[in-house]
Amino acid sequence: MRVRVLGTAAGGGVPQWNCACHGCAAARAHPSRRRRHASIAIEASPGRWYVVNATPDIAEQVEATADLRPGPERRRSPVAGAVLTDAELDHTLGLPRLREAASLRVVATATVRDALAGGLRLDRVLAPYTELTWAELPEDGAVPLDGTGSPEIAAVRVSGKRPRYAAGLDLPDGAWSVALHVTDRRAGTSLVYAPALAGWPPRLDRALSAADCVIVDGTFWDDGEPCRSGFTERTATEMGHLPITGPGGTAERLAALPAARRLYTHLNNTNPLVDPGHDGHRALAGMGIEVASEGQVIDL
């Protein structure tokens, strides 16, 4: 199983268009520090890839990744579909940007599908442009990502937090935000991708403990970071993201996992880790943890 890292930033990317914080200013001055919205691509079979979360900059991510570019036929794309971990705008606004596809397969929990259909009306909006087909992402078992022999994928519920636009929707509580447990039966390897963690439930812990590679939420360095930054009065935990360090931090838990690769992604523009020279990188490296880099290839 081959995985490509397409983006590593939280909502808005780095730099964020309306922000002049230190991280954003530095990214404008040094383009190598720019980060696209957090996403990965999974090779389901030779020449067929699924993007995990369709971000607003999906087209730029495709252009930056040779394996995802179209060809050799004029209108043939290796992008076979998308898998969604939640219904947040940062992870779904890329779907309309894929409307030129003849058809598009989207794998998501029933809750996420209902939110996108009822709240954003994506089914209705995209119908005149492309054939949108849905496949359910189960919590009670794994399903092939792209047919027989492809990696199997399952959802692990990590949060019941609704997107803001879905607050008033008449939908039952469900799997609003999940981690993905992807298993390659032929190779005997697995990956857990969890870009948003509001908690560390037992089922997630079991999946992480069994995985060869884990890529998890690194939105905020510590719990007070959002408040210090001045854009909110809520802590990281109150915003639905476990911090990396401090009380309730995930770094020590991540370091204790048996996985050969342990990585953080989904960095907010205020996170000091957006600076490649920050001491936090060395501290994490000493714990066997790295920050995912865009363009990175992980073979499992």
Protein backbone atom coordinates (compact mmCIF):
# COMPACT_ATOMS: atom_id res chain seq x y z
CA MET A 1 0.00 0.00 0.00
CA ARG A 2 1.36 3.37 -1.04
CA VAL A 3 0.31 6.62 0.63
CA ARG A 4 1.16 10.14 -0.50
CA VAL A 5 0.88 13.18 1.77
CA LEU A 6 -0.92 15.93 -0.18
CA GLY A 7 -1.33 18.57 2.53
CA THR A 8 -0.63 19.08 6.22
CA ALA A 9 -2.43 22.28 7.32
CA ALA A 10 -5.60 22.90 9.27
CA GLY A 11 -8.45 25.08 7.96
CA GLY A 12 -7.33 28.03 5.88
CA GLY A 13 -3.91 26.58 5.11
CA VAL A 14 -0.63 28.33 5.78
CA PRO A 15 -0.68 31.21 5.08
CA GLN A 16 -4.35 31.87 5.74
CA TRP A 17 -5.65 34.56 3.41
CA ASN A 18 -6.82 36.97 6.15
CA CYS A 19 -4.11 36.35 8.75
CA ALA A 20 -0.79 38.09 9.40
CA CYS A 21 0.32 36.01 12.40
CA HIS A 22 3.96 35.00 12.64
CA GLY A 23 3.37 31.65 10.93
CA CYS A 24 1.45 33.17 8.02
CA ALA A 25 3.87 36.06 7.55
CA ALA A 26 6.82 33.68 7.53
CA ALA A 27 5.11 31.46 4.94
CA ARG A 28 4.56 34.48 2.68
CA ALA A 29 8.22 35.43 3.00
CA HIS A 30 9.45 31.84 2.58
CA PRO A 31 7.26 29.88 0.11
CA SER A 32 8.81 26.58 1.25
CA ARG A 33 6.85 27.01 4.51
CA ARG A 34 3.48 27.10 2.76
CA ARG A 35 1.14 24.25 3.63
CA ARG A 36 -1.98 23.03 1.84
CA HIS A 37 -5.03 21.66 3.63
CA ALA A 38 -4.44 18.29 5.31
CA SER A 39 -5.02 15.34 2.99
CA ILE A 40 -3.45 12.10 1.85
CA ALA A 41 -3.93 9.90 -1.20
CA ILE A 42 -4.09 6.11 -1.02
CA GLU A 43 -3.25 3.89 -3.99
CA ALA A 44 -6.15 1.43 -4.16
CA SER A 45 -4.70 -0.47 -7.13
CA PRO A 46 -2.03 0.36 -9.71
CA GLY A 47 -2.93 3.70 -11.25
CA ARG A 48 -6.07 4.24 -9.13
CA TRP A 49 -5.91 6.62 -6.17
CA TYR A 50 -8.39 7.85 -3.57
CA VAL A 51 -7.90 11.23 -1.95
CA VAL A 52 -8.75 11.35 1.74
CA ASN A 53 -10.82 14.50 2.19
CA ALA A 54 -11.50 16.75 -0.80
CA THR A 55 -9.99 20.03 0.32
CA PRO A 56 -10.46 23.48 -1.24
CA ASP A 57 -6.99 23.17 -2.82
CA ILE A 58 -7.52 19.66 -4.25
CA ALA A 59 -6.61 20.79 -7.78
CA GLU A 60 -3.29 22.22 -6.59
CA GLN A 61 -2.59 19.02 -4.67
CA VAL A 62 -3.20 16.95 -7.81
CA GLU A 63 -0.93 19.16 -9.91
CA ALA A 64 1.84 18.89 -7.29
CA THR A 65 1.67 15.06 -7.31
CA ALA A 66 2.84 13.27 -10.46
CA ASP A 67 0.94 10.07 -9.60
CA LEU A 68 -2.36 11.98 -9.58
CA ARG A 69 -1.96 13.95 -12.80
CA PRO A 70 -4.09 12.97 -15.81
CA GLY A 71 -2.83 10.98 -18.79
CA PRO A 72 -1.76 9.43 -21.03
CA GLU A 73 -5.27 9.80 -22.51
CA ARG A 74 -6.50 13.37 -22.56
CA ARG A 75 -9.27 12.94 -19.99
CA ARG A 76 -8.07 9.97 -17.95
CA SER A 77 -7.42 10.74 -14.28
CA PRO A 78 -5.85 8.39 -11.73
CA VAL A 79 -8.13 9.95 -9.08
CA ALA A 80 -10.90 7.37 -8.67
CA GLY A 81 -12.72 8.97 -5.76
CA ALA A 82 -12.61 10.50 -2.32
CA VAL A 83 -12.91 9.24 1.25
CA LEU A 84 -14.25 11.68 3.83
CA THR A 85 -13.42 11.68 7.53
CA ASP A 86 -16.10 14.28 8.31
CA ALA A 87 -18.44 16.84 6.73
CA GLU A 88 -16.42 19.96 7.58
CA LEU A 89 -16.07 22.55 4.81
CA ASP A 90 -12.27 22.25 4.84
CA HIS A 91 -12.61 18.58 3.93
CA THR A 92 -15.48 18.72 1.42
CA LEU A 93 -15.33 21.96 -0.59
CA GLY A 94 -13.01 20.23 -3.04
CA LEU A 95 -15.83 17.98 -4.27
CA PRO A 96 -17.28 20.70 -6.54
CA ARG A 97 -13.77 21.23 -7.93
CA LEU A 98 -13.83 17.61 -9.11
CA ARG A 99 -17.06 18.12 -11.04
CA GLU A 100 -15.32 17.69 -14.43
CA ALA A 101 -14.96 13.97 -13.73
CA ALA A 102 -17.31 11.69 -15.68
CA SER A 103 -18.15 10.06 -12.36
CA LEU A 104 -16.96 10.41 -8.79
CA ARG A 105 -17.14 7.83 -6.01
CA VAL A 106 -17.34 9.21 -2.49
CA VAL A 107 -16.86 6.99 0.56
CA ALA A 108 -18.32 8.42 3.78
CA THR A 109 -20.37 7.54 6.82
CA ALA A 110 -24.13 7.80 6.48
CA THR A 111 -24.08 10.80 8.83
CA VAL A 112 -21.60 12.69 6.67
CA ARG A 113 -23.51 11.89 3.49
CA ASP A 114 -26.80 13.10 4.99
CA ALA A 115 -25.15 16.35 6.13
CA LEU A 116 -23.67 17.06 2.72
CA ALA A 117 -26.90 16.20 0.92
CA GLY A 118 -29.22 17.99 3.35
CA GLY A 119 -27.04 20.87 4.46
CA LEU A 120 -24.88 21.70 1.44
CA ARG A 121 -27.19 20.01 -1.13
CA LEU A 122 -24.13 18.61 -2.89
CA ASP A 123 -26.11 15.83 -4.59
CA ARG A 124 -28.37 18.39 -6.22
CA VAL A 125 -25.60 20.89 -7.02
CA LEU A 126 -23.28 18.35 -8.68
CA ALA A 127 -25.91 16.30 -10.52
CA PRO A 128 -25.80 18.45 -13.70
CA TYR A 129 -22.00 18.09 -13.86
CA THR A 130 -21.00 14.58 -12.85
CA GLU A 131 -22.35 11.28 -11.64
CA LEU A 132 -21.84 11.29 -7.88
CA THR A 133 -22.02 7.83 -6.30
CA TRP A 134 -21.83 7.15 -2.58
CA ALA A 135 -20.37 4.17 -0.76
CA GLU A 136 -20.96 3.82 2.97
CA LEU A 137 -17.97 3.84 5.28
CA PRO A 138 -18.85 1.35 8.01
CA GLU A 139 -18.04 1.44 11.71
CA ASP A 140 -18.84 -2.23 12.27
CA GLY A 141 -16.42 -3.76 9.79
CA ALA A 142 -14.10 -3.06 6.89
CA VAL A 143 -14.96 -2.81 3.19
CA PRO A 144 -12.69 -2.85 0.13
CA LEU A 145 -11.71 0.64 -0.89
CA ASP A 146 -11.92 -0.05 -4.61
CA GLY A 147 -13.00 -3.61 -5.31
CA THR A 148 -11.56 -7.06 -4.66
CA GLY A 149 -7.94 -7.09 -3.59
CA SER A 150 -7.77 -3.39 -2.74
CA PRO A 151 -6.97 -2.14 0.77
CA GLU A 152 -9.86 -2.42 3.22
CA ILE A 153 -11.14 0.63 5.06
CA ALA A 154 -13.14 1.12 8.24
CA ALA A 155 -14.31 4.10 10.27
CA VAL A 156 -13.45 4.66 13.93
CA ARG A 157 -15.68 7.30 15.52
CA VAL A 158 -13.68 10.01 17.29
CA SER A 159 -16.15 12.89 17.68
CA GLY A 160 -19.81 13.80 17.55
CA LYS A 161 -19.03 17.43 16.70
CA ARG A 162 -21.18 18.78 13.88
CA PRO A 163 -20.02 21.34 11.31
CA ARG A 164 -21.49 24.77 12.01
CA TYR A 165 -23.75 24.64 8.95
CA ALA A 166 -25.23 21.36 10.21
CA ALA A 167 -26.12 22.63 13.69
CA GLY A 168 -29.79 23.07 12.80
CA LEU A 169 -30.20 20.02 10.59
CA ASP A 170 -32.72 17.43 11.75
CA LEU A 171 -30.21 14.57 11.81
CA PRO A 172 -29.57 12.03 14.57
CA ASP A 173 -26.27 11.98 16.40
CA GLY A 174 -23.86 9.78 14.53
CA ALA A 175 -20.36 9.37 13.14
CA TRP A 176 -19.74 13.04 12.41
CA SER A 177 -15.96 12.69 12.60
CA VAL A 178 -14.01 9.47 12.19
CA ALA A 179 -10.48 8.17 11.92
CA LEU A 180 -9.74 5.83 9.03
CA HIS A 181 -8.26 2.39 9.61
CA VAL A 182 -6.88 1.18 6.27
CA THR A 183 -5.56 -2.38 6.00
CA ASP A 184 -3.65 -4.05 3.18
CA ARG A 185 -4.42 -7.75 3.71
CA ARG A 186 -1.89 -8.90 1.13
CA ALA A 187 1.00 -7.05 2.73
CA GLY A 188 -0.30 -7.49 6.27
CA THR A 189 0.10 -3.78 7.02
CA SER A 190 -2.23 -1.01 8.14
CA LEU A 191 -2.52 2.75 8.48
CA VAL A 192 -4.61 4.94 10.78
CA TYR A 193 -5.35 8.46 9.57
CA ALA A 194 -6.99 10.74 12.14
CA PRO A 195 -6.70 14.45 11.20
CA ALA A 196 -9.14 15.60 13.89
CA LEU A 197 -9.16 14.13 17.41
CA ALA A 198 -11.52 15.40 20.08
CA GLY A 199 -10.78 12.37 22.24
CA TRP A 200 -8.85 9.11 22.40
CA PRO A 201 -11.59 6.44 22.73
CA PRO A 202 -10.74 2.77 23.40
CA ARG A 203 -11.55 1.62 19.86
CA LEU A 204 -9.21 4.22 18.41
CA ASP A 205 -6.50 3.17 20.85
CA ARG A 206 -6.85 -0.44 19.66
CA ALA A 207 -6.62 0.61 16.01
CA LEU A 208 -3.58 2.80 16.67
CA SER A 209 -1.89 0.04 18.64
CA ALA A 210 -2.30 -2.37 15.70
CA ALA A 211 -1.15 0.01 12.94
CA ASP A 212 2.22 0.16 11.21
CA CYS A 213 1.82 3.88 10.50
CA VAL A 214 -0.30 6.49 12.26
CA ILE A 215 -0.95 10.04 11.07
CA VAL A 216 -2.89 12.07 13.62
CA ASP A 217 -4.18 15.48 14.61
CA GLY A 218 -1.44 17.99 15.38
CA THR A 219 -3.57 21.12 15.05
CA PHE A 220 -2.34 22.85 18.20
CA TRP A 221 0.93 22.59 20.12
CA ASP A 222 -0.73 23.07 23.53
CA ASP A 223 -4.21 23.62 24.89
CA GLY A 224 -3.89 27.38 25.39
CA GLU A 225 -2.50 28.16 21.94
CA PRO A 226 -5.82 29.31 20.37
CA CYS A 227 -6.48 31.71 23.26
CA ARG A 228 -2.96 33.17 23.19
CA SER A 229 -3.29 33.69 19.46
CA GLY A 230 -6.27 35.95 20.03
CA PHE A 231 -8.69 34.48 17.49
CA THR A 232 -10.89 32.67 20.01
CA GLU A 233 -11.55 32.32 23.71
CA ARG A 234 -11.78 28.54 23.43
CA THR A 235 -8.96 26.13 24.20
CA ALA A 236 -7.74 23.53 21.73
CA THR A 237 -9.72 20.83 23.52
CA GLU A 238 -12.86 22.96 23.50
CA MET A 239 -12.41 23.38 19.76
CA GLY A 240 -12.36 19.61 19.29
CA HIS A 241 -8.60 19.05 18.94
CA LEU A 242 -6.42 17.33 21.50
CA PRO A 243 -3.16 19.30 21.83
CA ILE A 244 0.25 17.80 21.22
CA THR A 245 1.81 18.74 24.56
CA GLY A 246 0.74 19.56 28.11
CA PRO A 247 -2.15 18.03 30.09
CA GLY A 248 -4.19 15.84 27.80
CA GLY A 249 -1.51 16.05 25.11
CA THR A 250 -1.09 13.26 22.59
CA ALA A 251 2.70 13.18 22.16
CA GLU A 252 3.39 10.74 24.99
CA ARG A 253 0.59 8.44 23.86
CA LEU A 254 1.87 8.58 20.31
CA ALA A 255 5.42 7.82 21.41
CA ALA A 256 4.23 4.71 23.26
CA LEU A 257 2.64 3.17 20.16
CA PRO A 258 4.44 0.28 18.45
CA ALA A 259 3.96 1.78 14.95
CA ALA A 260 7.11 2.13 12.87
CA ARG A 261 5.97 5.58 11.68
CA ARG A 262 4.19 8.17 13.84
CA LEU A 263 3.38 11.52 12.29
CA TYR A 264 1.44 14.70 13.02
CA THR A 265 -0.64 16.55 10.42
CA HIS A 266 -3.40 19.22 10.26
CA LEU A 267 -1.20 21.99 11.72
CA ASN A 268 -2.91 25.30 12.45
CA ASN A 269 -1.22 28.46 11.18
CA THR A 270 -0.57 29.43 14.83
CA ASN A 271 1.22 26.17 15.64
CA PRO A 272 4.96 26.80 16.16
CA LEU A 273 5.68 23.59 14.25
CA VAL A 274 4.92 25.41 10.97
CA ASP A 275 8.43 26.79 11.49
CA PRO A 276 10.79 23.97 10.43
CA GLY A 277 13.46 25.33 12.77
CA HIS A 278 11.30 25.30 15.91
CA ASP A 279 12.67 23.27 18.84
CA GLY A 280 9.44 21.28 18.91
CA HIS A 281 10.57 19.29 15.87
CA ARG A 282 13.68 18.12 17.72
CA ALA A 283 11.69 17.34 20.85
CA LEU A 284 9.24 15.19 18.87
CA ALA A 285 12.03 13.52 16.92
CA GLY A 286 13.55 12.47 20.24
CA MET A 287 10.25 10.68 20.93
CA GLY A 288 10.24 8.97 17.54
CA ILE A 289 7.56 11.31 16.13
CA GLU A 290 7.73 13.41 12.98
CA VAL A 291 5.66 16.11 11.33
CA ALA A 292 4.30 14.98 7.97
CA SER A 293 5.72 16.84 4.98
CA GLU A 294 3.88 17.52 1.75
CA GLY A 295 4.92 15.25 -1.09
CA GLN A 296 6.05 12.57 1.36
CA VAL A 297 5.60 8.98 0.21
CA ILE A 298 4.90 6.20 2.71
CA ASP A 299 5.13 2.59 1.55
CA LEU A 300 3.45 -0.01 3.74
